[in-house]
Protein backbone atom coordinates (compact mmCIF):
# COMPACT_ATOMS: atom_id res chain seq x y z
CA ILE A 1 7.19 0.86 2.66
CA ASP A 2 9.22 4.14 2.63
CA ASP A 3 6.02 6.12 2.71
CA ILE A 4 4.61 4.29 5.69
CA ILE A 5 7.97 4.70 7.63
CA ASP A 6 7.69 8.43 6.86
CA GLY A 7 4.19 8.62 8.23
CA THR A 8 5.03 6.59 11.26
CA VAL A 9 8.04 8.78 12.18
CA ALA A 10 5.94 11.86 11.63
CA ALA A 11 3.02 10.46 13.95
CA MET A 12 5.67 9.54 16.60
CA GLY A 13 7.05 13.25 16.42
CA LYS A 14 3.56 14.45 16.97
CA CYS A 15 2.68 12.19 19.81
CA THR A 16 0.11 14.31 21.66
CA GLY A 17 -2.23 11.42 22.87
CA PHE A 18 -3.93 8.62 21.05
CA ASN A 19 -4.65 9.44 17.23
CA ILE A 20 -5.33 6.96 14.44
CA TYR A 21 -3.82 7.86 11.14
CA ASN A 22 -4.53 6.05 7.82
CA LEU A 23 -1.13 5.66 5.98
CA GLY A 24 -0.79 3.96 2.61
CA GLU A 25 -1.68 4.37 -1.23
CA SER A 26 -4.37 7.21 -1.49
CA ARG A 27 -5.41 6.16 -4.91
CA PRO A 28 -7.99 3.20 -5.31
CA VAL A 29 -6.51 -0.11 -6.61
CA SER A 30 -8.62 -3.00 -7.41
CA VAL A 31 -7.64 -6.37 -6.39
CA ASN A 32 -7.36 -7.54 -10.08
CA ASP A 33 -5.13 -4.51 -10.92
CA LEU A 34 -2.89 -5.25 -7.74
CA VAL A 35 -2.53 -8.90 -9.05
CA VAL A 36 -1.50 -7.69 -12.49
CA GLU A 37 0.98 -5.24 -11.00
CA ILE A 38 2.39 -8.06 -8.83
CA GLU A 39 2.69 -10.28 -12.00
CA ASN A 40 4.42 -7.54 -13.78
CA ALA A 41 6.89 -7.01 -11.00
CA LEU A 42 7.74 -10.75 -10.69
CA GLY A 43 7.60 -11.31 -14.34
CA LYS A 44 5.18 -14.38 -13.85
CA LYS A 45 1.57 -15.07 -14.36
CA ALA A 46 -0.47 -15.80 -11.40
CA THR A 47 -2.86 -18.90 -11.34
CA LYS A 48 -6.27 -17.24 -10.64
CA GLU A 49 -9.45 -18.93 -9.78
CA TYR A 50 -12.53 -16.53 -9.80
CA LEU A 51 -15.19 -17.31 -7.07
CA PRO A 52 -18.34 -15.55 -6.01
CA PRO A 53 -17.55 -12.68 -3.64
CA GLN A 54 -17.69 -13.54 -0.01
CA PRO A 55 -19.02 -11.49 2.93
CA GLY A 56 -16.66 -8.75 3.54
CA ASP A 57 -14.56 -9.00 0.39
CA VAL A 58 -13.59 -5.76 -1.15
CA GLU A 59 -13.18 -4.84 -4.74
CA ARG A 60 -11.09 -1.76 -4.28
CA THR A 61 -8.93 -0.56 -1.41
CA TYR A 62 -7.05 2.65 -0.53
CA ALA A 63 -6.28 4.62 2.56
CA ASP A 64 -7.95 7.97 3.11
CA VAL A 65 -4.88 9.85 4.17
CA THR A 66 -6.61 13.22 4.61
CA LYS A 67 -6.13 13.47 8.29
CA ALA A 68 -2.41 12.24 7.95
CA ALA A 69 -1.93 14.88 5.28
CA ARG A 70 -3.54 17.62 7.31
CA GLU A 71 -1.87 16.91 10.61
CA LEU A 72 1.36 15.25 9.65
CA GLY A 73 2.09 16.55 6.29
CA TYR A 74 1.81 13.05 5.05
CA LYS A 75 2.11 12.75 1.14
CA PRO A 76 2.67 9.10 -0.16
CA SER A 77 5.02 9.43 -3.15
CA THR A 78 5.76 5.84 -3.98
CA THR A 79 3.68 4.31 -6.70
CA ILE A 80 2.38 0.78 -6.53
CA GLN A 81 4.79 -0.10 -9.39
CA THR A 82 7.88 1.35 -7.74
CA GLY A 83 7.02 -0.22 -4.52
CA LEU A 84 6.58 -3.67 -5.93
CA ALA A 85 9.69 -3.30 -8.07
CA LYS A 86 11.63 -2.40 -4.98
CA PHE A 87 10.15 -5.26 -2.86
CA THR A 88 10.79 -7.79 -5.57
CA ALA A 89 14.48 -6.59 -5.97
CA TRP A 90 14.83 -7.24 -2.25
CA LEU A 91 12.83 -10.53 -2.35
CA ARG A 92 15.25 -11.82 -5.16
CA GLN A 93 18.21 -10.98 -2.89
CA GLN A 94 17.09 -13.06 0.15
CA PRO A 95 18.52 -16.74 0.47
């Protein structure tokens, strides 16, 4: 979330009209890899049921941050692993 906050603040500071910026992880991550990373962060195995792909399903997702990098100086620095570790640490502290 730190990277997204940095990008959002940078976009707000630019505020010269209506622009759309992609903010997020700039490296592709497959859904399966993301599930493995979540399992690792939580220390638990997910129960998975693989079904045929549905219309609109994506195998990999990432944000093309080229415009945000060029116009805002946006450069995500938090890895999926670090972000999930921070999130799960926060989650475990919630009542």
